[in-house]
């Protein structure tokens, strides 16, 4: 799964909806770009996904500087349910 942000525009070209999408479906709808980017980062973090090569450095900067998550931080992993 590679989650990404999807934007829709109104007739004036302004962003009116922001979504996190992946696996050919909408995962969630968000109110603004800041919420969209932070939720996207948390989706990568929670599901322990690798960042895409094209935006690896940007995501790593956001992870460290904005979200204050270290490179060695990992989500909890469960062996058995």
N, C-alpha and C. Protein backbone atom coordinates (compact mmCIF):
# COMPACT_ATOMS: atom_id res chain seq x y z
N UNK A 1 0.84 -1.17 0.00
CA UNK A 1 0.00 0.00 0.00
C UNK A 1 0.88 1.24 0.00
N UNK A 2 0.57 2.18 -0.86
CA UNK A 2 1.25 3.47 -0.89
C UNK A 2 0.21 4.56 -0.75
N UNK A 3 0.00 5.05 0.48
CA UNK A 3 -0.98 6.11 0.67
C UNK A 3 -0.51 7.42 0.06
N UNK A 4 -1.45 8.26 -0.32
CA UNK A 4 -1.11 9.56 -0.91
C UNK A 4 -2.24 10.54 -0.66
N UNK A 5 -1.95 11.83 -0.83
CA UNK A 5 -2.97 12.87 -0.70
C UNK A 5 -3.63 13.08 -2.05
N UNK A 6 -4.93 13.26 -2.02
CA UNK A 6 -5.69 13.56 -3.23
C UNK A 6 -6.49 14.82 -2.97
N UNK A 7 -6.43 15.77 -3.90
CA UNK A 7 -7.13 17.03 -3.77
C UNK A 7 -8.20 17.14 -4.85
N UNK A 8 -9.34 17.73 -4.51
CA UNK A 8 -10.33 18.08 -5.51
C UNK A 8 -10.50 19.60 -5.48
N UNK A 9 -10.81 20.17 -6.62
CA UNK A 9 -10.93 21.62 -6.75
C UNK A 9 -12.35 22.01 -7.08
N UNK A 10 -12.70 23.25 -6.73
CA UNK A 10 -13.98 23.79 -7.16
C UNK A 10 -13.79 24.42 -8.55
N UNK A 11 -14.81 25.04 -9.08
CA UNK A 11 -14.74 25.60 -10.43
C UNK A 11 -13.76 26.77 -10.55
N UNK A 12 -13.39 27.39 -9.42
CA UNK A 12 -12.42 28.48 -9.43
C UNK A 12 -10.98 28.01 -9.26
N UNK A 13 -10.79 26.71 -9.13
CA UNK A 13 -9.45 26.15 -8.99
C UNK A 13 -8.95 26.11 -7.55
N UNK A 14 -9.82 26.38 -6.58
CA UNK A 14 -9.44 26.31 -5.17
C UNK A 14 -9.67 24.89 -4.66
N UNK A 15 -8.76 24.46 -3.79
CA UNK A 15 -8.91 23.13 -3.19
C UNK A 15 -10.14 23.15 -2.29
N UNK A 16 -11.06 22.22 -2.51
CA UNK A 16 -12.24 22.18 -1.66
C UNK A 16 -12.34 20.90 -0.83
N UNK A 17 -11.63 19.85 -1.21
CA UNK A 17 -11.60 18.63 -0.43
C UNK A 17 -10.22 18.00 -0.50
N UNK A 18 -9.81 17.41 0.60
CA UNK A 18 -8.53 16.73 0.69
C UNK A 18 -8.78 15.33 1.23
N UNK A 19 -8.17 14.35 0.61
CA UNK A 19 -8.36 12.96 1.00
C UNK A 19 -7.01 12.27 1.16
N UNK A 20 -6.97 11.26 2.03
CA UNK A 20 -5.88 10.30 2.01
C UNK A 20 -6.43 9.08 1.31
N UNK A 21 -5.74 8.66 0.27
CA UNK A 21 -6.19 7.54 -0.54
C UNK A 21 -5.10 6.48 -0.61
N UNK A 22 -5.50 5.29 -0.95
CA UNK A 22 -4.58 4.18 -1.14
C UNK A 22 -5.36 2.93 -1.48
N UNK A 23 -4.73 2.02 -2.19
CA UNK A 23 -5.39 0.77 -2.57
C UNK A 23 -6.71 1.03 -3.29
N UNK A 24 -6.73 2.02 -4.18
CA UNK A 24 -7.89 2.35 -5.01
C UNK A 24 -9.12 2.75 -4.19
N UNK A 25 -8.90 3.30 -3.00
CA UNK A 25 -10.03 3.76 -2.20
C UNK A 25 -9.63 4.96 -1.35
N UNK A 26 -10.63 5.69 -0.91
CA UNK A 26 -10.42 6.83 -0.04
C UNK A 26 -10.37 6.32 1.40
N UNK A 27 -9.30 6.65 2.11
CA UNK A 27 -9.16 6.20 3.49
C UNK A 27 -9.79 7.18 4.47
N UNK A 28 -9.63 8.50 4.20
CA UNK A 28 -10.25 9.50 5.06
C UNK A 28 -10.33 10.84 4.35
N UNK A 29 -11.27 11.66 4.79
CA UNK A 29 -11.42 13.01 4.27
C UNK A 29 -10.94 13.98 5.33
N UNK A 30 -10.22 15.02 4.90
CA UNK A 30 -9.63 15.98 5.83
C UNK A 30 -10.05 17.40 5.49
N UNK A 31 -9.87 18.29 6.46
CA UNK A 31 -10.33 19.66 6.30
C UNK A 31 -9.31 20.60 5.68
N UNK A 32 -8.02 20.33 5.89
CA UNK A 32 -7.01 21.26 5.38
C UNK A 32 -5.71 20.51 5.07
N UNK A 33 -4.80 21.20 4.42
CA UNK A 33 -3.55 20.58 3.98
C UNK A 33 -2.69 20.15 5.16
N UNK A 34 -2.64 20.94 6.21
CA UNK A 34 -1.82 20.59 7.37
C UNK A 34 -2.32 19.29 8.00
N UNK A 35 -3.63 19.17 8.17
CA UNK A 35 -4.18 17.90 8.69
C UNK A 35 -3.89 16.76 7.72
N UNK A 36 -3.98 17.03 6.43
CA UNK A 36 -3.72 16.01 5.44
C UNK A 36 -2.31 15.47 5.49
N UNK A 37 -1.34 16.37 5.55
CA UNK A 37 0.06 15.95 5.59
C UNK A 37 0.37 15.22 6.89
N UNK A 38 -0.11 15.75 8.02
CA UNK A 38 0.20 15.08 9.29
C UNK A 38 -0.47 13.71 9.37
N UNK A 39 -1.71 13.60 8.92
CA UNK A 39 -2.38 12.28 8.92
C UNK A 39 -1.69 11.31 7.97
N UNK A 40 -1.24 11.81 6.83
CA UNK A 40 -0.52 10.95 5.89
C UNK A 40 0.75 10.41 6.53
N UNK A 41 1.47 11.28 7.25
CA UNK A 41 2.69 10.84 7.93
C UNK A 41 2.37 9.78 8.98
N UNK A 42 1.28 9.98 9.72
CA UNK A 42 0.91 8.99 10.74
C UNK A 42 0.46 7.67 10.12
N UNK A 43 -0.15 7.70 8.94
CA UNK A 43 -0.51 6.46 8.26
C UNK A 43 0.75 5.67 7.94
N UNK A 44 1.77 6.36 7.42
CA UNK A 44 3.05 5.68 7.15
C UNK A 44 3.64 5.12 8.43
N UNK A 45 3.57 5.90 9.50
CA UNK A 45 4.17 5.49 10.77
C UNK A 45 3.42 4.31 11.40
N UNK A 46 2.11 4.43 11.50
CA UNK A 46 1.31 3.40 12.17
C UNK A 46 1.39 2.07 11.44
N UNK A 47 1.36 2.10 10.10
CA UNK A 47 1.40 0.86 9.34
C UNK A 47 2.83 0.44 8.98
N UNK A 48 3.81 1.19 9.52
CA UNK A 48 5.23 0.87 9.33
C UNK A 48 5.58 0.71 7.85
N UNK A 49 5.13 1.68 7.04
CA UNK A 49 5.38 1.66 5.60
C UNK A 49 6.65 2.43 5.27
N UNK A 50 7.33 2.02 4.23
CA UNK A 50 8.50 2.76 3.76
C UNK A 50 8.03 3.98 2.97
N UNK A 51 8.76 5.07 3.14
CA UNK A 51 8.44 6.28 2.38
C UNK A 51 8.81 6.07 0.91
N UNK A 52 8.04 6.64 -0.01
CA UNK A 52 8.40 6.56 -1.43
C UNK A 52 9.75 7.23 -1.68
N UNK A 53 10.53 6.69 -2.58
CA UNK A 53 11.87 7.23 -2.87
C UNK A 53 11.82 8.70 -3.28
N UNK A 54 10.77 9.09 -4.03
CA UNK A 54 10.68 10.45 -4.55
C UNK A 54 10.54 11.49 -3.45
N UNK A 55 9.97 11.11 -2.31
CA UNK A 55 9.76 12.10 -1.24
C UNK A 55 10.34 11.64 0.09
N UNK A 56 11.31 10.73 0.04
CA UNK A 56 11.90 10.19 1.25
C UNK A 56 12.48 11.29 2.14
N UNK A 57 13.30 12.17 1.57
CA UNK A 57 13.95 13.21 2.37
C UNK A 57 12.95 14.18 2.97
N UNK A 58 11.93 14.54 2.20
CA UNK A 58 10.89 15.43 2.71
C UNK A 58 10.14 14.78 3.86
N UNK A 59 9.73 13.54 3.70
CA UNK A 59 9.00 12.84 4.76
C UNK A 59 9.88 12.66 5.99
N UNK A 60 11.17 12.37 5.79
CA UNK A 60 12.07 12.19 6.92
C UNK A 60 12.23 13.51 7.67
N UNK A 61 12.33 14.62 6.95
CA UNK A 61 12.40 15.93 7.61
C UNK A 61 11.13 16.18 8.42
N UNK A 62 9.97 15.95 7.83
CA UNK A 62 8.71 16.16 8.54
C UNK A 62 8.61 15.25 9.77
N UNK A 63 9.06 14.03 9.63
CA UNK A 63 9.04 13.08 10.74
C UNK A 63 9.87 13.59 11.90
N UNK A 64 11.08 14.07 11.60
CA UNK A 64 11.99 14.51 12.66
C UNK A 64 11.64 15.89 13.20
N UNK A 65 11.44 16.85 12.31
CA UNK A 65 11.30 18.25 12.73
C UNK A 65 9.88 18.61 13.18
N UNK A 66 8.89 18.12 12.49
CA UNK A 66 7.52 18.52 12.79
C UNK A 66 6.85 17.56 13.77
N UNK A 67 6.90 16.27 13.46
CA UNK A 67 6.23 15.28 14.30
C UNK A 67 7.08 14.84 15.48
N UNK A 68 8.37 15.18 15.45
CA UNK A 68 9.32 14.85 16.52
C UNK A 68 9.40 13.35 16.80
N UNK A 69 9.39 12.58 15.73
CA UNK A 69 9.57 11.14 15.82
C UNK A 69 10.97 10.81 15.37
N UNK A 70 11.71 10.08 16.16
CA UNK A 70 13.08 9.74 15.78
C UNK A 70 13.08 8.69 14.69
N UNK A 71 14.21 8.56 14.04
CA UNK A 71 14.35 7.56 12.98
C UNK A 71 14.23 6.16 13.55
N UNK A 72 14.63 5.98 14.81
CA UNK A 72 14.58 4.65 15.42
C UNK A 72 13.23 4.35 16.05
N UNK A 73 12.29 5.32 16.04
CA UNK A 73 10.96 5.07 16.59
C UNK A 73 10.22 4.07 15.72
N UNK A 74 9.57 3.15 16.34
CA UNK A 74 8.79 2.16 15.62
C UNK A 74 7.45 2.00 16.32
N UNK A 75 6.41 1.73 15.56
CA UNK A 75 5.13 1.47 16.22
C UNK A 75 5.18 0.16 16.97
N UNK A 76 4.25 -0.03 17.87
CA UNK A 76 4.17 -1.29 18.59
C UNK A 76 3.87 -2.43 17.62
N UNK A 77 4.56 -3.50 17.77
CA UNK A 77 4.33 -4.67 16.92
C UNK A 77 3.75 -5.77 17.78
N UNK A 78 2.68 -6.38 17.30
CA UNK A 78 2.02 -7.45 18.04
C UNK A 78 2.29 -8.77 17.34
N UNK A 79 2.74 -9.76 18.12
CA UNK A 79 2.98 -11.08 17.54
C UNK A 79 1.70 -11.90 17.48
N UNK A 80 0.88 -11.81 18.51
CA UNK A 80 -0.34 -12.62 18.58
C UNK A 80 -1.51 -11.73 18.98
N UNK A 81 -2.67 -12.06 18.47
CA UNK A 81 -3.88 -11.34 18.86
C UNK A 81 -4.74 -12.23 19.73
